[in-house]
C-alpha atoms as a PDB file:
ATOM      1  CA  UNK A   1      12.400   6.718  10.093  1.00  0.00           C
ATOM      2  CA  UNK A   2      11.056   6.669   6.602  1.00  0.00           C
ATOM      3  CA  UNK A   3       7.111   6.062   6.240  1.00  0.00           C
ATOM      4  CA  UNK A   4       6.610   3.082   4.011  1.00  0.00           C
ATOM      5  CA  UNK A   5       3.494   1.286   2.833  1.00  0.00           C
ATOM      6  CA  UNK A   6       2.851  -2.010   5.026  1.00  0.00           C
ATOM      7  CA  UNK A   7       0.511  -4.916   4.113  1.00  0.00           C
ATOM      8  CA  UNK A   8      -0.458  -7.833   6.237  1.00  0.00           C
ATOM      9  CA  UNK A   9      -2.452 -10.950   5.516  1.00  0.00           C
ATOM     10  CA  UNK A  10      -4.932 -11.926   8.198  1.00  0.00           C
ATOM     11  CA  UNK A  11      -7.999 -14.105   8.546  1.00  0.00           C
ATOM     12  CA  UNK A  12     -11.300 -12.487   8.309  1.00  0.00           C
ATOM     13  CA  UNK A  13     -12.120 -12.923  11.939  1.00  0.00           C
ATOM     14  CA  UNK A  14      -8.830 -11.050  12.897  1.00  0.00           C
ATOM     15  CA  UNK A  15     -10.045  -8.183  10.752  1.00  0.00           C
ATOM     16  CA  UNK A  16     -13.350  -8.188  12.362  1.00  0.00           C
ATOM     17  CA  UNK A  17     -11.528  -7.978  15.772  1.00  0.00           C
ATOM     18  CA  UNK A  18      -9.477  -4.972  14.601  1.00  0.00           C
ATOM     19  CA  UNK A  19     -12.668  -3.422  13.448  1.00  0.00           C
ATOM     20  CA  UNK A  20     -13.914  -3.619  17.063  1.00  0.00           C
ATOM     21  CA  UNK A  21     -10.930  -2.864  19.025  1.00  0.00           C
ATOM     22  CA  UNK A  22      -8.403  -0.116  18.493  1.00  0.00           C
ATOM     23  CA  UNK A  23      -6.138  -1.849  20.676  1.00  0.00           C
ATOM     24  CA  UNK A  24      -6.221  -4.973  18.563  1.00  0.00           C
ATOM     25  CA  UNK A  25      -5.589  -2.990  15.455  1.00  0.00           C
ATOM     26  CA  UNK A  26      -2.683  -1.259  17.039  1.00  0.00           C
ATOM     27  CA  UNK A  27      -1.196  -4.716  17.850  1.00  0.00           C
ATOM     28  CA  UNK A  28      -1.594  -5.649  14.285  1.00  0.00           C
ATOM     29  CA  UNK A  29       0.024  -2.494  13.009  1.00  0.00           C
ATOM     30  CA  UNK A  30       2.782  -3.077  15.513  1.00  0.00           C
ATOM     31  CA  UNK A  31       3.623  -6.235  13.890  1.00  0.00           C
ATOM     32  CA  UNK A  32       2.610  -8.391  17.011  1.00  0.00           C
ATOM     33  CA  UNK A  33      -0.269 -10.632  15.794  1.00  0.00           C
ATOM     34  CA  UNK A  34       0.820 -12.202  12.532  1.00  0.00           C
ATOM     35  CA  UNK A  35       4.065 -14.030  11.382  1.00  0.00           C
ATOM     36  CA  UNK A  36       6.542 -11.929   9.595  1.00  0.00           C
ATOM     37  CA  UNK A  37       6.002 -13.978   6.537  1.00  0.00           C
ATOM     38  CA  UNK A  38       2.480 -12.502   6.087  1.00  0.00           C
ATOM     39  CA  UNK A  39       3.755  -8.840   5.984  1.00  0.00           C
ATOM     40  CA  UNK A  40       4.949  -6.856   2.857  1.00  0.00           C
ATOM     41  CA  UNK A  41       6.808  -3.658   3.095  1.00  0.00           C
ATOM     42  CA  UNK A  42       6.118  -2.081  -0.174  1.00  0.00           C
ATOM     43  CA  UNK A  43       8.492   0.970   0.579  1.00  0.00           C
ATOM     44  CA  UNK A  44       7.483   3.933  -1.417  1.00  0.00           C
ATOM     45  CA  UNK A  45       6.387   1.823  -4.461  1.00  0.00           C
ATOM     46  CA  UNK A  46       2.701   2.468  -4.718  1.00  0.00           C
ATOM     47  CA  UNK A  47       2.856   5.562  -6.542  1.00  0.00           C
ATOM     48  CA  UNK A  48       5.377   4.287  -9.157  1.00  0.00           C
ATOM     49  CA  UNK A  49       3.418   1.090  -9.530  1.00  0.00           C
ATOM     50  CA  UNK A  50       0.419   3.100 -10.378  1.00  0.00           C
ATOM     51  CA  UNK A  51       2.254   5.601 -12.543  1.00  0.00           C
ATOM     52  CA  UNK A  52       3.977   2.703 -14.510  1.00  0.00           C
ATOM     53  CA  UNK A  53       0.596   1.205 -15.389  1.00  0.00           C
ATOM     54  CA  UNK A  54      -0.721   4.481 -16.578  1.00  0.00           C
ATOM     55  CA  UNK A  55       2.252   5.156 -18.693  1.00  0.00           C
ATOM     56  CA  UNK A  56       1.833   1.535 -20.176  1.00  0.00           C
ATOM     57  CA  UNK A  57      -1.874   2.372 -20.836  1.00  0.00           C
ATOM     58  CA  UNK A  58      -2.992  -0.821 -18.936  1.00  0.00           C
ATOM     59  CA  UNK A  59      -6.822  -1.309 -19.060  1.00  0.00           C
ATOM     60  CA  UNK A  60      -8.854   0.284 -16.563  1.00  0.00           C
ATOM     61  CA  UNK A  61      -9.832  -2.859 -14.738  1.00  0.00           C
ATOM     62  CA  UNK A  62      -6.093  -3.496 -13.831  1.00  0.00           C
ATOM     63  CA  UNK A  63      -5.705   0.058 -12.615  1.00  0.00           C
ATOM     64  CA  UNK A  64      -8.733  -0.316 -10.464  1.00  0.00           C
ATOM     65  CA  UNK A  65      -7.489  -3.637  -8.999  1.00  0.00           C
ATOM     66  CA  UNK A  66      -4.097  -2.297  -8.404  1.00  0.00           C
ATOM     67  CA  UNK A  67      -5.579   0.759  -6.632  1.00  0.00           C
ATOM     68  CA  UNK A  68      -7.762  -1.513  -4.494  1.00  0.00           C
ATOM     69  CA  UNK A  69      -4.680  -3.590  -3.607  1.00  0.00           C
ATOM     70  CA  UNK A  70      -2.838  -0.745  -2.400  1.00  0.00           C
ATOM     71  CA  UNK A  71      -5.733   1.452  -0.856  1.00  0.00           C
ATOM     72  CA  UNK A  72      -8.011  -1.300   0.378  1.00  0.00           C
ATOM     73  CA  UNK A  73     -11.975  -0.684   0.271  1.00  0.00           C
ATOM     74  CA  UNK A  74     -12.588   0.811   3.662  1.00  0.00           C
ATOM     75  CA  UNK A  75     -10.980   2.121   6.832  1.00  0.00           C
ATOM     76  CA  UNK A  76     -10.650  -0.522   9.434  1.00  0.00           C
ATOM     77  CA  UNK A  77     -11.488   1.428  12.576  1.00  0.00           C
ATOM     78  CA  UNK A  78     -11.666   5.232  12.100  1.00  0.00           C
ATOM     79  CA  UNK A  79     -11.120   5.619  16.005  1.00  0.00           C
ATOM     80  CA  UNK A  80      -7.309   4.404  15.315  1.00  0.00           C
ATOM     81  CA  UNK A  81      -6.675   7.864  13.681  1.00  0.00           C
ATOM     82  CA  UNK A  82      -6.703   9.379  17.129  1.00  0.00           C
ATOM     83  CA  UNK A  83      -4.531   6.698  18.617  1.00  0.00           C
ATOM     84  CA  UNK A  84      -1.048   7.564  19.654  1.00  0.00           C
ATOM     85  CA  UNK A  85       1.443   6.930  16.900  1.00  0.00           C
ATOM     86  CA  UNK A  86      -1.201   6.583  14.167  1.00  0.00           C
ATOM     87  CA  UNK A  87      -0.600   8.553  10.886  1.00  0.00           C
ATOM     88  CA  UNK A  88      -3.754  10.623  10.322  1.00  0.00           C
ATOM     89  CA  UNK A  89      -3.193  11.192   6.672  1.00  0.00           C
ATOM     90  CA  UNK A  90      -2.976   7.507   5.920  1.00  0.00           C
ATOM     91  CA  UNK A  91      -5.765   5.524   7.624  1.00  0.00           C
ATOM     92  CA  UNK A  92      -5.587   1.755   7.995  1.00  0.00           C
ATOM     93  CA  UNK A  93      -7.815   0.267   5.426  1.00  0.00           C
ATOM     94  CA  UNK A  94      -8.495  -3.325   4.104  1.00  0.00           C
ATOM     95  CA  UNK A  95      -9.766  -5.484   1.614  1.00  0.00           C
ATOM     96  CA  UNK A  96     -12.006  -8.429   3.058  1.00  0.00           C
ATOM     97  CA  UNK A  97     -11.317 -12.005   1.894  1.00  0.00           C
ATOM     98  CA  UNK A  98     -13.760 -12.104  -0.966  1.00  0.00           C
ATOM     99  CA  UNK A  99     -12.349  -8.706  -2.547  1.00  0.00           C
ATOM    100  CA  UNK A 100      -8.803 -10.115  -2.147  1.00  0.00           C
ATOM    101  CA  UNK A 101      -9.877 -13.081  -4.354  1.00  0.00           C
ATOM    102  CA  UNK A 102     -11.260 -10.745  -6.846  1.00  0.00           C
ATOM    103  CA  UNK A 103      -8.255  -8.320  -6.876  1.00  0.00           C
ATOM    104  CA  UNK A 104      -5.787 -11.261  -7.042  1.00  0.00           C
ATOM    105  CA  UNK A 105      -7.610 -12.819  -9.850  1.00  0.00           C
ATOM    106  CA  UNK A 106      -7.759  -9.384 -11.868  1.00  0.00           C
ATOM    107  CA  UNK A 107      -4.129  -8.871 -11.148  1.00  0.00           C
ATOM    108  CA  UNK A 108      -3.204 -12.221 -12.667  1.00  0.00           C
ATOM    109  CA  UNK A 109      -3.942 -10.761 -16.081  1.00  0.00           C
ATOM    110  CA  UNK A 110      -1.581  -7.807 -15.608  1.00  0.00           C
ATOM    111  CA  UNK A 111       1.683  -8.398 -17.379  1.00  0.00           C
ATOM    112  CA  UNK A 112       4.485  -6.707 -15.474  1.00  0.00           C
ATOM    113  CA  UNK A 113       6.985  -7.180 -18.483  1.00  0.00           C
ATOM    114  CA  UNK A 114       4.471  -5.184 -20.788  1.00  0.00           C
ATOM    115  CA  UNK A 115       4.367  -2.496 -18.126  1.00  0.00           C
ATOM    116  CA  UNK A 116       8.167  -2.331 -17.439  1.00  0.00           C
ATOM    117  CA  UNK A 117       8.947  -2.022 -21.242  1.00  0.00           C
ATOM    118  CA  UNK A 118       6.968   1.336 -21.190  1.00  0.00           C
ATOM    119  CA  UNK A 119       9.529   2.614 -18.663  1.00  0.00           C
ATOM    120  CA  UNK A 120      12.403   4.752 -19.380  1.00  0.00           C
ATOM    121  CA  UNK A 121      15.723   2.889 -18.384  1.00  0.00           C
ATOM    122  CA  UNK A 122      16.746   5.689 -16.087  1.00  0.00           C
ATOM    123  CA  UNK A 123      13.869   8.179 -15.859  1.00  0.00           C
ATOM    124  CA  UNK A 124      12.414   8.566 -12.333  1.00  0.00           C
ATOM    125  CA  UNK A 125      10.805  11.702 -13.349  1.00  0.00           C
ATOM    126  CA  UNK A 126       8.436   9.779 -15.629  1.00  0.00           C
ATOM    127  CA  UNK A 127       7.203   7.945 -12.516  1.00  0.00           C
ATOM    128  CA  UNK A 128       6.785  11.383 -10.603  1.00  0.00           C
ATOM    129  CA  UNK A 129       9.706  10.667  -8.475  1.00  0.00           C
ATOM    130  CA  UNK A 130      12.909  12.905  -8.262  1.00  0.00           C
ATOM    131  CA  UNK A 131      15.196  10.475  -6.540  1.00  0.00           C
ATOM    132  CA  UNK A 132      18.290   9.001  -7.833  1.00  0.00           C
ATOM    133  CA  UNK A 133      19.172   7.169  -4.657  1.00  0.00           C
ATOM    134  CA  UNK A 134      17.334   4.067  -5.613  1.00  0.00           C
ATOM    135  CA  UNK A 135      18.163   1.653  -8.233  1.00  0.00           C
ATOM    136  CA  UNK A 136      16.834   2.334 -11.731  1.00  0.00           C
ATOM    137  CA  UNK A 137      13.093   2.575 -12.053  1.00  0.00           C
ATOM    138  CA  UNK A 138      12.656  -0.657 -13.988  1.00  0.00           C
ATOM    139  CA  UNK A 139      14.268  -2.766 -11.454  1.00  0.00           C
ATOM    140  CA  UNK A 140      12.472  -1.005  -8.478  1.00  0.00           C
ATOM    141  CA  UNK A 141       9.111  -1.341 -10.152  1.00  0.00           C
ATOM    142  CA  UNK A 142       9.770  -4.888 -11.245  1.00  0.00           C
ATOM    143  CA  UNK A 143      10.752  -6.103  -7.662  1.00  0.00           C
ATOM    144  CA  UNK A 144       7.660  -4.447  -6.102  1.00  0.00           C
ATOM    145  CA  UNK A 145       5.220  -5.671  -8.771  1.00  0.00           C
ATOM    146  CA  UNK A 146       6.475  -9.240  -8.306  1.00  0.00           C
ATOM    147  CA  UNK A 147       6.284  -8.924  -4.400  1.00  0.00           C
ATOM    148  CA  UNK A 148       2.741  -7.359  -4.525  1.00  0.00           C
ATOM    149  CA  UNK A 149       1.451  -9.833  -6.957  1.00  0.00           C
ATOM    150  CA  UNK A 150       2.984 -12.989  -5.127  1.00  0.00           C
ATOM    151  CA  UNK A 151       1.614 -11.432  -1.815  1.00  0.00           C
ATOM    152  CA  UNK A 152      -1.943 -11.224  -3.150  1.00  0.00           C
ATOM    153  CA  UNK A 153      -1.820 -14.579  -4.820  1.00  0.00           C
ATOM    154  CA  UNK A 154      -0.774 -16.132  -1.513  1.00  0.00           C
ATOM    155  CA  UNK A 155      -3.650 -14.207   0.241  1.00  0.00           C
ATOM    156  CA  UNK A 156      -6.109 -15.428  -2.213  1.00  0.00           C
ATOM    157  CA  UNK A 157      -4.910 -19.023  -2.030  1.00  0.00           C
ATOM    158  CA  UNK A 158      -5.319 -19.098   1.759  1.00  0.00           C
ATOM    159  CA  UNK A 159      -8.637 -17.041   1.665  1.00  0.00           C
ATOM    160  CA  UNK A 160      -7.239 -14.320   3.698  1.00  0.00           C
ATOM    161  CA  UNK A 161      -7.933 -10.526   3.958  1.00  0.00           C
ATOM    162  CA  UNK A 162      -5.575  -7.846   3.653  1.00  0.00           C
ATOM    163  CA  UNK A 163      -4.843  -4.841   5.816  1.00  0.00           C
ATOM    164  CA  UNK A 164      -2.710  -1.966   4.647  1.00  0.00           C
ATOM    165  CA  UNK A 165      -1.220   1.205   6.269  1.00  0.00           C
ATOM    166  CA  UNK A 166       1.716   3.600   6.264  1.00  0.00           C
ATOM    167  CA  UNK A 167       4.312   3.172   8.916  1.00  0.00           C
END
């Protein structure tokens, strides 16, 4: 099974419960606590999204917000690293509700079409990828940008936190 980045929208109270309990965090990371509509599978898109923005020379505030949207601000529960099935190299991290509002607000100013225009039509190497198995880089980046921006927009609208991990 491929390891891909997962994001989930949760109420701050549920995030707090995951901070207190490794079992609760495992239930969240096992897709048992939230509706499927509150999950986003970003595939392997985080690195290409960041690299595309770097190639487009977007303003640093957008890069910072994008990194936060993908990496979070803090590890949810460090004890989870020792839990069976956890991926040590990629701890579960999160953005609290107020941080989600800030990140979503900043990302609203990012214009994906501008970023996409800087990408070669068929140049995965420019994104630091060596795969030809996926569709062209523009389509891949566009699809995942749209999904990420929509995901955060909905989280901000509902005043939810976001938890992220690799699974």
